PDB file of all heavy atoms in Angstrom:
ATOM      1  N   ILE A   1       0.827  -1.211   0.000  1.00  0.00           N
ATOM      2  CA  ILE A   1       0.000   0.000   0.000  1.00  0.00           C
ATOM      3  C   ILE A   1       0.856   1.253   0.000  1.00  0.00           C
ATOM      4  O   ILE A   1       0.468   2.280  -0.541  1.00  0.00           O
ATOM      5  CB  ILE A   1      -0.949  -0.026   1.203  1.00  0.00           C
ATOM      6  CG1 ILE A   1      -1.902  -1.215   1.047  1.00  0.00           C
ATOM      7  CG2 ILE A   1      -1.750   1.236   1.332  1.00  0.00           C
ATOM      8  CD1 ILE A   1      -2.870  -1.371   2.199  1.00  0.00           C
ATOM      9  N   HIS A   2       2.048   1.198   0.624  1.00  0.00           N
ATOM     10  CA  HIS A   2       2.872   2.408   0.705  1.00  0.00           C
ATOM     11  C   HIS A   2       3.354   2.860  -0.665  1.00  0.00           C
ATOM     12  O   HIS A   2       3.800   3.980  -0.836  1.00  0.00           O
ATOM     13  CB  HIS A   2       4.075   2.160   1.620  1.00  0.00           C
ATOM     14  CG  HIS A   2       5.055   1.169   1.059  1.00  0.00           C
ATOM     15  ND1 HIS A   2       4.872  -0.178   1.161  1.00  0.00           N
ATOM     16  CD2 HIS A   2       6.225   1.354   0.383  1.00  0.00           C
ATOM     17  CE1 HIS A   2       5.890  -0.811   0.579  1.00  0.00           C
ATOM     18  NE2 HIS A   2       6.720   0.106   0.096  1.00  0.00           N
ATOM     19  N   ASN A   3       3.257   1.992  -1.675  1.00  0.00           N
ATOM     20  CA  ASN A   3       3.662   2.375  -3.027  1.00  0.00           C
ATOM     21  C   ASN A   3       2.572   3.147  -3.757  1.00  0.00           C
ATOM     22  O   ASN A   3       2.800   3.680  -4.833  1.00  0.00           O
ATOM     23  CB  ASN A   3       4.032   1.130  -3.838  1.00  0.00           C
ATOM     24  CG  ASN A   3       5.249   0.422  -3.247  1.00  0.00           C
ATOM     25  OD1 ASN A   3       6.155   1.087  -2.774  1.00  0.00           O
ATOM     26  ND2 ASN A   3       5.231  -0.901  -3.259  1.00  0.00           N
ATOM     27  N   VAL A   4       1.378   3.172  -3.201  1.00  0.00           N
ATOM     28  CA  VAL A   4       0.247   3.844  -3.858  1.00  0.00           C
ATOM     29  C   VAL A   4       0.155   5.273  -3.350  1.00  0.00           C
ATOM     30  O   VAL A   4       0.132   5.520  -2.144  1.00  0.00           O
ATOM     31  CB  VAL A   4      -1.070   3.089  -3.559  1.00  0.00           C
ATOM     32  CG1 VAL A   4      -2.231   3.778  -4.248  1.00  0.00           C
ATOM     33  CG2 VAL A   4      -0.953   1.647  -4.010  1.00  0.00           C
ATOM     34  N   LYS A   5       0.103   6.223  -4.265  1.00  0.00           N
ATOM     35  CA  LYS A   5       0.023   7.634  -3.884  1.00  0.00           C
ATOM     36  C   LYS A   5      -1.398   7.988  -3.466  1.00  0.00           C
ATOM     37  O   LYS A   5      -2.361   7.459  -4.016  1.00  0.00           O
ATOM     38  CB  LYS A   5       0.453   8.523  -5.054  1.00  0.00           C
ATOM     39  CG  LYS A   5       1.929   8.387  -5.403  1.00  0.00           C
ATOM     40  CD  LYS A   5       2.294   9.320  -6.532  1.00  0.00           C
ATOM     41  CE  LYS A   5       3.793   9.208  -6.878  1.00  0.00           C
ATOM     42  NZ  LYS A   5       4.175  10.124  -7.953  1.00  0.00           N
ATOM     43  N   GLY A   6      -1.527   8.913  -2.537  1.00  0.00           N
ATOM     44  CA  GLY A   6      -2.836   9.361  -2.079  1.00  0.00           C
ATOM     45  C   GLY A   6      -2.706  10.045  -0.733  1.00  0.00           C
ATOM     46  O   GLY A   6      -1.647  10.045  -0.105  1.00  0.00           O
ATOM     47  N   HIS A   7      -3.823  10.646  -0.304  1.00  0.00           N
ATOM     48  CA  HIS A   7      -3.812  11.417   0.935  1.00  0.00           C
ATOM     49  C   HIS A   7      -4.844  10.911   1.935  1.00  0.00           C
ATOM     50  O   HIS A   7      -5.003  11.489   3.002  1.00  0.00           O
ATOM     51  CB  HIS A   7      -4.091  12.899   0.653  1.00  0.00           C
ATOM     52  CG  HIS A   7      -3.256  13.445  -0.480  1.00  0.00           C
ATOM     53  ND1 HIS A   7      -1.897  13.505  -0.417  1.00  0.00           N
ATOM     54  CD2 HIS A   7      -3.620  13.931  -1.694  1.00  0.00           C
ATOM     55  CE1 HIS A   7      -1.427  14.039  -1.570  1.00  0.00           C
ATOM     56  NE2 HIS A   7      -2.454  14.275  -2.345  1.00  0.00           N
ATOM     57  N   GLY A   8      -5.551   9.851   1.620  1.00  0.00           N
ATOM     58  CA  GLY A   8      -6.565   9.352   2.541  1.00  0.00           C
ATOM     59  C   GLY A   8      -7.778  10.253   2.626  1.00  0.00           C
ATOM     60  O   GLY A   8      -8.436  10.312   3.667  1.00  0.00           O
ATOM     61  N   LEU A   9      -8.085  10.984   1.553  1.00  0.00           N
ATOM     62  CA  LEU A   9      -9.218  11.912   1.553  1.00  0.00           C
ATOM     63  C   LEU A   9     -10.377  11.440   0.695  1.00  0.00           C
ATOM     64  O   LEU A   9     -11.525  11.833   0.927  1.00  0.00           O
ATOM     65  CB  LEU A   9      -8.770  13.293   1.061  1.00  0.00           C
ATOM     66  CG  LEU A   9      -7.758  14.025   1.953  1.00  0.00           C
ATOM     67  CD1 LEU A   9      -7.290  15.293   1.278  1.00  0.00           C
ATOM     68  CD2 LEU A   9      -8.380  14.344   3.297  1.00  0.00           C
ATOM     69  N   GLY A  10     -10.097  10.595  -0.283  1.00  0.00           N
ATOM     70  CA  GLY A  10     -11.135  10.185  -1.235  1.00  0.00           C
ATOM     71  C   GLY A  10     -12.303   9.481  -0.579  1.00  0.00           C
ATOM     72  O   GLY A  10     -13.470   9.864  -0.767  1.00  0.00           O
ATOM     73  N   LEU A  11     -12.030   8.451   0.246  1.00  0.00           N
ATOM     74  CA  LEU A  11     -13.104   7.703   0.882  1.00  0.00           C
ATOM     75  C   LEU A  11     -13.762   8.498   2.005  1.00  0.00           C
ATOM     76  O   LEU A  11     -14.943   8.298   2.304  1.00  0.00           O
ATOM     77  CB  LEU A  11     -12.574   6.373   1.419  1.00  0.00           C
ATOM     78  CG  LEU A  11     -12.142   5.364   0.339  1.00  0.00           C
ATOM     79  CD1 LEU A  11     -11.605   4.092   0.975  1.00  0.00           C
ATOM     80  CD2 LEU A  11     -13.313   5.029  -0.590  1.00  0.00           C
ATOM     81  N   ALA A  12     -12.990   9.417   2.629  1.00  0.00           N
ATOM     82  CA  ALA A  12     -13.601  10.304   3.626  1.00  0.00           C
ATOM     83  C   ALA A  12     -14.634  11.204   2.958  1.00  0.00           C
ATOM     84  O   ALA A  12     -15.714  11.444   3.505  1.00  0.00           O
ATOM     85  CB  ALA A  12     -12.528  11.147   4.316  1.00  0.00           C
ATOM     86  N   TYR A  13     -14.298  11.683   1.741  1.00  0.00           N
ATOM     87  CA  TYR A  13     -15.240  12.490   0.959  1.00  0.00           C
ATOM     88  C   TYR A  13     -16.471  11.660   0.583  1.00  0.00           C
ATOM     89  O   TYR A  13     -17.619  12.141   0.655  1.00  0.00           O
ATOM     90  CB  TYR A  13     -14.533  13.019  -0.292  1.00  0.00           C
ATOM     91  CG  TYR A  13     -15.456  13.641  -1.314  1.00  0.00           C
ATOM     92  CD1 TYR A  13     -15.956  14.922  -1.131  1.00  0.00           C
ATOM     93  CD2 TYR A  13     -15.820  12.951  -2.465  1.00  0.00           C
ATOM     94  CE1 TYR A  13     -16.803  15.489  -2.058  1.00  0.00           C
ATOM     95  CE2 TYR A  13     -16.658  13.509  -3.409  1.00  0.00           C
ATOM     96  CZ  TYR A  13     -17.154  14.781  -3.202  1.00  0.00           C
ATOM     97  OH  TYR A  13     -17.992  15.344  -4.124  1.00  0.00           O
ATOM     98  N   VAL A  14     -16.249  10.399   0.202  1.00  0.00           N
ATOM     99  CA  VAL A  14     -17.360   9.515  -0.151  1.00  0.00           C
ATOM    100  C   VAL A  14     -18.343   9.391   1.018  1.00  0.00           C
ATOM    101  O   VAL A  14     -19.557   9.502   0.851  1.00  0.00           O
ATOM    102  CB  VAL A  14     -16.824   8.121  -0.557  1.00  0.00           C
ATOM    103  CG1 VAL A  14     -17.966   7.107  -0.619  1.00  0.00           C
ATOM    104  CG2 VAL A  14     -16.112   8.198  -1.898  1.00  0.00           C
ATOM    105  N   LYS A  15     -17.795   9.143   2.206  1.00  0.00           N
ATOM    106  CA  LYS A  15     -18.650   8.975   3.377  1.00  0.00           C
ATOM    107  C   LYS A  15     -19.442  10.250   3.678  1.00  0.00           C
ATOM    108  O   LYS A  15     -20.647  10.195   3.980  1.00  0.00           O
ATOM    109  CB  LYS A  15     -17.802   8.594   4.590  1.00  0.00           C
ATOM    110  CG  LYS A  15     -18.626   8.329   5.840  1.00  0.00           C
ATOM    111  CD  LYS A  15     -17.741   7.974   7.016  1.00  0.00           C
ATOM    112  CE  LYS A  15     -18.585   7.731   8.274  1.00  0.00           C
ATOM    113  NZ  LYS A  15     -17.759   7.440   9.453  1.00  0.00           N
ATOM    114  N   GLU A  16     -18.784  11.403   3.625  1.00  0.00           N
ATOM    115  CA  GLU A  16     -19.462  12.675   3.905  1.00  0.00           C
ATOM    116  C   GLU A  16     -20.626  12.918   2.946  1.00  0.00           C
ATOM    117  O   GLU A  16     -21.716  13.307   3.354  1.00  0.00           O
ATOM    118  CB  GLU A  16     -18.462  13.831   3.825  1.00  0.00           C
ATOM    119  CG  GLU A  16     -17.426  13.852   4.938  1.00  0.00           C
ATOM    120  CD  GLU A  16     -18.003  14.302   6.258  1.00  0.00           C
ATOM    121  OE1 GLU A  16     -19.111  14.859   6.268  1.00  0.00           O
ATOM    122  OE2 GLU A  16     -17.357  14.072   7.293  1.00  0.00           O
ATOM    123  N   ILE A  17     -20.383  12.667   1.660  1.00  0.00           N
ATOM    124  CA  ILE A  17     -21.425  12.913   0.650  1.00  0.00           C
ATOM    125  C   ILE A  17     -22.578  11.933   0.814  1.00  0.00           C
ATOM    126  O   ILE A  17     -23.755  12.319   0.774  1.00  0.00           O
ATOM    127  CB  ILE A  17     -20.832  12.822  -0.776  1.00  0.00           C
ATOM    128  CG1 ILE A  17     -19.847  13.966  -1.002  1.00  0.00           C
ATOM    129  CG2 ILE A  17     -21.944  12.862  -1.820  1.00  0.00           C
ATOM    130  CD1 ILE A  17     -20.468  15.351  -0.914  1.00  0.00           C
ATOM    131  N   VAL A  18     -22.267  10.651   0.994  1.00  0.00           N
ATOM    132  CA  VAL A  18     -23.332   9.634   1.121  1.00  0.00           C
ATOM    133  C   VAL A  18     -24.188   9.919   2.355  1.00  0.00           C
ATOM    134  O   VAL A  18     -25.423   9.846   2.293  1.00  0.00           O
ATOM    135  CB  VAL A  18     -22.716   8.220   1.190  1.00  0.00           C
ATOM    136  CG1 VAL A  18     -23.784   7.184   1.566  1.00  0.00           C
ATOM    137  CG2 VAL A  18     -22.089   7.853  -0.146  1.00  0.00           C
ATOM    138  N   GLU A  19     -23.549  10.247   3.482  1.00  0.00           N
ATOM    139  CA  GLU A  19     -24.318  10.524   4.690  1.00  0.00           C
ATOM    140  C   GLU A  19     -25.125  11.811   4.567  1.00  0.00           C
ATOM    141  O   GLU A  19     -26.196  11.929   5.166  1.00  0.00           O
ATOM    142  CB  GLU A  19     -23.377  10.602   5.897  1.00  0.00           C
ATOM    143  CG  GLU A  19     -22.813   9.247   6.294  1.00  0.00           C
ATOM    144  CD  GLU A  19     -21.925   9.299   7.513  1.00  0.00           C
ATOM    145  OE1 GLU A  19     -21.592  10.432   7.951  1.00  0.00           O
ATOM    146  OE2 GLU A  19     -21.553   8.236   8.039  1.00  0.00           O
ATOM    147  N   SER A  20     -24.625  12.772   3.798  1.00  0.00           N
ATOM    148  CA  SER A  20     -25.413  13.992   3.558  1.00  0.00           C
ATOM    149  C   SER A  20     -26.634  13.716   2.696  1.00  0.00           C
ATOM    150  O   SER A  20     -27.571  14.512   2.674  1.00  0.00           O
ATOM    151  CB  SER A  20     -24.537  15.069   2.902  1.00  0.00           C
ATOM    152  OG  SER A  20     -24.206  14.695   1.572  1.00  0.00           O
ATOM    153  N   HIS A  21     -26.646  12.558   2.002  1.00  0.00           N
ATOM    154  CA  HIS A  21     -27.814  12.115   1.226  1.00  0.00           C
ATOM    155  C   HIS A  21     -28.641  11.093   2.010  1.00  0.00           C
ATOM    156  O   HIS A  21     -29.459  10.369   1.420  1.00  0.00           O
ATOM    157  CB  HIS A  21     -27.364  11.493  -0.102  1.00  0.00           C
ATOM    158  CG  HIS A  21     -26.932  12.507  -1.122  1.00  0.00           C
ATOM    159  ND1 HIS A  21     -25.731  13.168  -1.061  1.00  0.00           N
ATOM    160  CD2 HIS A  21     -27.555  12.987  -2.235  1.00  0.00           C
ATOM    161  CE1 HIS A  21     -25.611  13.982  -2.087  1.00  0.00           C
ATOM    162  NE2 HIS A  21     -26.708  13.898  -2.828  1.00  0.00           N
ATOM    163  N   GLN A  22     -28.432  11.022   3.356  1.00  0.00           N
ATOM    164  CA  GLN A  22     -29.138  10.089   4.242  1.00  0.00           C
ATOM    165  C   GLN A  22     -28.915   8.634   3.854  1.00  0.00           C
ATOM    166  O   GLN A  22     -29.774   7.767   4.027  1.00  0.00           O
ATOM    167  CB  GLN A  22     -30.656  10.368   4.271  1.00  0.00           C
ATOM    168  CG  GLN A  22     -31.056  11.658   4.971  1.00  0.00           C
ATOM    169  CD  GLN A  22     -30.780  12.876   4.099  1.00  0.00           C
ATOM    170  OE1 GLN A  22     -31.153  12.892   2.925  1.00  0.00           O
ATOM    171  NE2 GLN A  22     -30.143  13.873   4.683  1.00  0.00           N
ATOM    172  N   GLY A  23     -27.722   8.359   3.309  1.00  0.00           N
ATOM    173  CA  GLY A  23     -27.384   6.998   2.940  1.00  0.00           C
ATOM    174  C   GLY A  23     -26.282   6.433   3.815  1.00  0.00           C
ATOM    175  O   GLY A  23     -25.825   7.073   4.764  1.00  0.00           O
ATOM    176  N   THR A  24     -25.850   5.230   3.497  1.00  0.00           N
ATOM    177  CA  THR A  24     -24.759   4.580   4.242  1.00  0.00           C
ATOM    178  C   THR A  24     -23.779   3.961   3.259  1.00  0.00           C
ATOM    179  O   THR A  24     -24.154   3.586   2.132  1.00  0.00           O
ATOM    180  CB  THR A  24     -25.284   3.477   5.171  1.00  0.00           C
ATOM    181  OG1 THR A  24     -26.043   2.527   4.399  1.00  0.00           O
ATOM    182  CG2 THR A  24     -26.176   4.050   6.260  1.00  0.00           C
ATOM    183  N   VAL A  25     -22.520   3.851   3.680  1.00  0.00           N
ATOM    184  CA  VAL A  25     -21.494   3.222   2.862  1.00  0.00           C
ATOM    185  C   VAL A  25     -20.632   2.344   3.774  1.00  0.00           C
ATOM    186  O   VAL A  25     -20.328   2.726   4.903  1.00  0.00           O
ATOM    187  CB  VAL A  25     -20.625   4.269   2.134  1.00  0.00           C
ATOM    188  CG1 VAL A  25     -19.964   5.220   3.110  1.00  0.00           C
ATOM    189  CG2 VAL A  25     -19.591   3.594   1.243  1.00  0.00           C
ATOM    190  N   PHE A  26     -20.291   1.172   3.325  1.00  0.00           N
ATOM    191  CA  PHE A  26     -19.439   0.275   4.105  1.00  0.00           C
ATOM    192  C   PHE A  26     -18.643  -0.602   3.152  1.00  0.00           C
ATOM    193  O   PHE A  26     -18.904  -0.636   1.937  1.00  0.00           O
ATOM    194  CB  PHE A  26     -20.267  -0.578   5.075  1.00  0.00           C
ATOM    195  CG  PHE A  26     -21.344  -1.384   4.428  1.00  0.00           C
ATOM    196  CD1 PHE A  26     -21.102  -2.675   3.970  1.00  0.00           C
ATOM    197  CD2 PHE A  26     -22.630  -0.858   4.257  1.00  0.00           C
ATOM    198  CE1 PHE A  26     -22.101  -3.422   3.369  1.00  0.00           C
ATOM    199  CE2 PHE A  26     -23.629  -1.609   3.649  1.00  0.00           C
ATOM    200  CZ  PHE A  26     -23.365  -2.888   3.204  1.00  0.00           C
ATOM    201  N   VAL A  27     -17.659  -1.303   3.705  1.00  0.00           N
ATOM    202  CA  VAL A  27     -16.754  -2.112   2.885  1.00  0.00           C
ATOM    203  C   VAL A  27     -16.656  -3.511   3.467  1.00  0.00           C
ATOM    204  O   VAL A  27     -16.710  -3.706   4.687  1.00  0.00           O
ATOM    205  CB  VAL A  27     -15.357  -1.454   2.798  1.00  0.00           C
ATOM    206  CG1 VAL A  27     -14.713  -1.381   4.178  1.00  0.00           C
ATOM    207  CG2 VAL A  27     -14.450  -2.206   1.834  1.00  0.00           C
ATOM    208  N   GLU A  28     -16.524  -4.468   2.593  1.00  0.00           N
ATOM    209  CA  GLU A  28     -16.235  -5.858   2.963  1.00  0.00           C
ATOM    210  C   GLU A  28     -14.977  -6.254   2.205  1.00  0.00           C
ATOM    211  O   GLU A  28     -14.910  -6.082   0.989  1.00  0.00           O
ATOM    212  CB  GLU A  28     -17.387  -6.781   2.577  1.00  0.00           C
ATOM    213  CG  GLU A  28     -18.693  -6.460   3.309  1.00  0.00           C
ATOM    214  CD  GLU A  28     -19.867  -7.260   2.773  1.00  0.00           C
ATOM    215  OE1 GLU A  28     -20.320  -6.957   1.656  1.00  0.00           O
ATOM    216  OE2 GLU A  28     -20.305  -8.185   3.469  1.00  0.00           O
ATOM    217  N   SER A  29     -14.004  -6.760   2.940  1.00  0.00           N
ATOM    218  CA  SER A  29     -12.725  -7.030   2.286  1.00  0.00           C
ATOM    219  C   SER A  29     -12.017  -8.190   2.964  1.00  0.00           C
ATOM    220  O   SER A  29     -12.267  -8.489   4.138  1.00  0.00           O
ATOM    221  CB  SER A  29     -11.843  -5.780   2.329  1.00  0.00           C
ATOM    222  OG  SER A  29     -10.620  -6.000   1.657  1.00  0.00           O
ATOM    223  N   GLU A  30     -11.141  -8.818   2.212  1.00  0.00           N
ATOM    224  CA  GLU A  30     -10.304  -9.883   2.732  1.00  0.00           C
ATOM    225  C   GLU A  30      -8.924  -9.733   2.116  1.00  0.00           C
ATOM    226  O   GLU A  30      -8.793  -9.496   0.906  1.00  0.00           O
ATOM    227  CB  GLU A  30     -10.904 -11.250   2.401  1.00  0.00           C
ATOM    228  CG  GLU A  30     -10.176 -12.398   3.073  1.00  0.00           C
ATOM    229  CD  GLU A  30     -10.856 -13.732   2.835  1.00  0.00           C
ATOM    230  OE1 GLU A  30     -12.010 -13.735   2.349  1.00  0.00           O
ATOM    231  OE2 GLU A  30     -10.227 -14.768   3.121  1.00  0.00           O
ATOM    232  N   LYS A  31      -7.924  -9.833   2.958  1.00  0.00           N
ATOM    233  CA  LYS A  31      -6.553  -9.622   2.510  1.00  0.00           C
ATOM    234  C   LYS A  31      -6.201 -10.569   1.358  1.00  0.00           C
ATOM    235  O   LYS A  31      -6.365 -11.781   1.454  1.00  0.00           O
ATOM    236  CB  LYS A  31      -5.605  -9.875   3.693  1.00  0.00           C
ATOM    237  CG  LYS A  31      -4.274  -9.175   3.568  1.00  0.00           C
ATOM    238  CD  LYS A  31      -4.394  -7.680   3.809  1.00  0.00           C
ATOM    239  CE  LYS A  31      -3.003  -7.052   3.846  1.00  0.00           C
ATOM    240  NZ  LYS A  31      -3.076  -5.599   3.948  1.00  0.00           N
ATOM    241  N   GLY A  32      -5.767  -9.960   0.257  1.00  0.00           N
ATOM    242  CA  GLY A  32      -5.341 -10.741  -0.905  1.00  0.00           C
ATOM    243  C   GLY A  32      -6.460 -11.174  -1.828  1.00  0.00           C
ATOM    244  O   GLY A  32      -6.201 -11.774  -2.878  1.00  0.00           O
ATOM    245  N   LYS A  33      -7.735 -10.871  -1.464  1.00  0.00           N
ATOM    246  CA  LYS A  33      -8.864 -11.312  -2.287  1.00  0.00           C
ATOM    247  C   LYS A  33      -9.753 -10.178  -2.763  1.00  0.00           C
ATOM    248  O   LYS A  33     -10.815 -10.410  -3.334  1.00  0.00           O
ATOM    249  CB  LYS A  33      -9.710 -12.318  -1.511  1.00  0.00           C
ATOM    250  CG  LYS A  33      -8.966 -13.617  -1.209  1.00  0.00           C
ATOM    251  CD  LYS A  33      -9.894 -14.628  -0.558  1.00  0.00           C
ATOM    252  CE  LYS A  33      -9.163 -15.934  -0.291  1.00  0.00           C
ATOM    253  NZ  LYS A  33     -10.054 -16.945   0.332  1.00  0.00           N
ATOM    254  N   GLY A  34      -9.336  -8.945  -2.538  1.00  0.00           N
ATOM    255  CA  GLY A  34     -10.099  -7.817  -3.039  1.00  0.00           C
ATOM    256  C   GLY A  34     -11.080  -7.244  -2.040  1.00  0.00           C
ATOM    257  O   GLY A  34     -11.193  -7.717  -0.911  1.00  0.00           O
ATOM    258  N   SER A  35     -11.802  -6.210  -2.479  1.00  0.00           N
ATOM    259  CA  SER A  35     -12.741  -5.490  -1.614  1.00  0.00           C
ATOM    260  C   SER A  35     -14.041  -5.231  -2.355  1.00  0.00           C
ATOM    261  O   SER A  35     -14.063  -5.164  -3.593  1.00  0.00           O
ATOM    262  CB  SER A  35     -12.144  -4.152  -1.157  1.00  0.00           C
ATOM    263  OG  SER A  35     -10.894  -4.342  -0.531  1.00  0.00           O
ATOM    264  N   THR A  36     -15.111  -5.069  -1.579  1.00  0.00           N
ATOM    265  CA  THR A  36     -16.414  -4.712  -2.134  1.00  0.00           C
ATOM    266  C   THR A  36     -16.963  -3.542  -1.342  1.00  0.00           C
ATOM    267  O   THR A  36     -17.207  -3.645  -0.136  1.00  0.00           O
ATOM    268  CB  THR A  36     -17.398  -5.896  -2.061  1.00  0.00           C
ATOM    269  OG1 THR A  36     -16.867  -7.005  -2.780  1.00  0.00           O
ATOM    270  CG2 THR A  36     -18.748  -5.504  -2.651  1.00  0.00           C
ATOM    271  N   PHE A  37     -17.156  -2.404  -2.030  1.00  0.00           N
ATOM    272  CA  PHE A  37     -17.740  -1.216  -1.410  1.00  0.00           C
ATOM    273  C   PHE A  37     -19.230  -1.176  -1.745  1.00  0.00           C
ATOM    274  O   PHE A  37     -19.610  -1.355  -2.907  1.00  0.00           O
ATOM    275  CB  PHE A  37     -17.062   0.054  -1.907  1.00  0.00           C
ATOM    276  CG  PHE A  37     -15.701   0.271  -1.307  1.00  0.00           C
ATOM    277  CD1 PHE A  37     -14.578  -0.343  -1.862  1.00  0.00           C
ATOM    278  CD2 PHE A  37     -15.530   1.070  -0.199  1.00  0.00           C
ATOM    279  CE1 PHE A  37     -13.326  -0.153  -1.322  1.00  0.00           C
ATOM    280  CE2 PHE A  37     -14.282   1.267   0.355  1.00  0.00           C
ATOM    281  CZ  PHE A  37     -13.169   0.655  -0.195  1.00  0.00           C
ATOM    282  N   THR A  38     -20.067  -0.941  -0.713  1.00  0.00           N
ATOM    283  CA  THR A  38     -21.519  -0.912  -0.892  1.00  0.00           C
ATOM    284  C   THR A  38     -22.053   0.446  -0.471  1.00  0.00           C
ATOM    285  O   THR A  38     -21.750   0.932   0.628  1.00  0.00           O
ATOM    286  CB  THR A  38     -22.188  -2.009  -0.060  1.00  0.00           C
ATOM    287  OG1 THR A  38     -21.657  -3.293  -0.433  1.00  0.00           O
ATOM    288  CG2 THR A  38     -23.699  -2.029  -0.291  1.00  0.00           C
ATOM    289  N   VAL A  39     -22.865   1.054  -1.352  1.00  0.00           N
ATOM    290  CA  VAL A  39     -23.504   2.341  -1.086  1.00  0.00           C
ATOM    291  C   VAL A  39     -25.015   2.139  -1.115  1.00  0.00           C
ATOM    292  O   VAL A  39     -25.547   1.580  -2.078  1.00  0.00           O
ATOM    293  CB  VAL A  39     -23.100   3.406  -2.122  1.00  0.00           C
ATOM    294  CG1 VAL A  39     -23.844   4.713  -1.856  1.00  0.00           C
ATOM    295  CG2 VAL A  39     -21.592   3.643  -2.091  1.00  0.00           C
ATOM    296  N   LYS A  40     -25.690   2.582  -0.044  1.00  0.00           N
ATOM    297  CA  LYS A  40     -27.154   2.486   0.027  1.00  0.00           C
ATOM    298  C   LYS A  40     -27.726   3.895   0.091  1.00  0.00           C
ATOM    299  O   LYS A  40     -27.369   4.674   0.982  1.00  0.00           O
ATOM    300  CB  LYS A  40     -27.587   1.685   1.254  1.00  0.00           C
ATOM    301  CG  LYS A  40     -27.270   0.205   1.170  1.00  0.00           C
ATOM    302  CD  LYS A  40     -27.662  -0.529   2.456  1.00  0.00           C
ATOM    303  CE  LYS A  40     -29.167  -0.541   2.630  1.00  0.00           C
ATOM    304  NZ  LYS A  40     -29.563  -1.342   3.816  1.00  0.00           N
ATOM    305  N   LEU A  41     -28.626   4.209  -0.857  1.00  0.00           N
ATOM    306  CA  LEU A  41     -29.255   5.527  -0.889  1.00  0.00           C
ATOM    307  C   LEU A  41     -30.768   5.352  -0.886  1.00  0.00           C
ATOM    308  O   LEU A  41     -31.295   4.451  -1.569  1.00  0.00           O
ATOM    309  CB  LEU A  41     -28.821   6.301  -2.139  1.00  0.00           C
ATOM    310  CG  LEU A  41     -27.342   6.684  -2.225  1.00  0.00           C
ATOM    311  CD1 LEU A  41     -27.022   7.228  -3.617  1.00  0.00           C
ATOM    312  CD2 LEU A  41     -26.989   7.725  -1.161  1.00  0.00           C
ATOM    313  N   PRO A  42     -31.493   6.200  -0.174  1.00  0.00           N
ATOM    314  CA  PRO A  42     -32.958   6.067  -0.145  1.00  0.00           C
ATOM    315  C   PRO A  42     -33.580   6.460  -1.485  1.00  0.00           C
ATOM    316  O   PRO A  42     -33.199   7.462  -2.090  1.00  0.00           O
ATOM    317  CB  PRO A  42     -33.377   7.021   0.977  1.00  0.00           C
ATOM    318  CG  PRO A  42     -32.260   8.006   1.093  1.00  0.00           C
ATOM    319  CD  PRO A  42     -31.015   7.273   0.730  1.00  0.00           C
TER     320      PRO A  42
END
């Protein structure tokens, strides 16, 4: 992960926007097998 550039702001922005739309966002992940991001909006 340390080889990937970024500031840790992208997903924080995602959470702020989704919650401002009265929705929820969460992640399911397993090391070495990928991740699944889920967004629920009313």
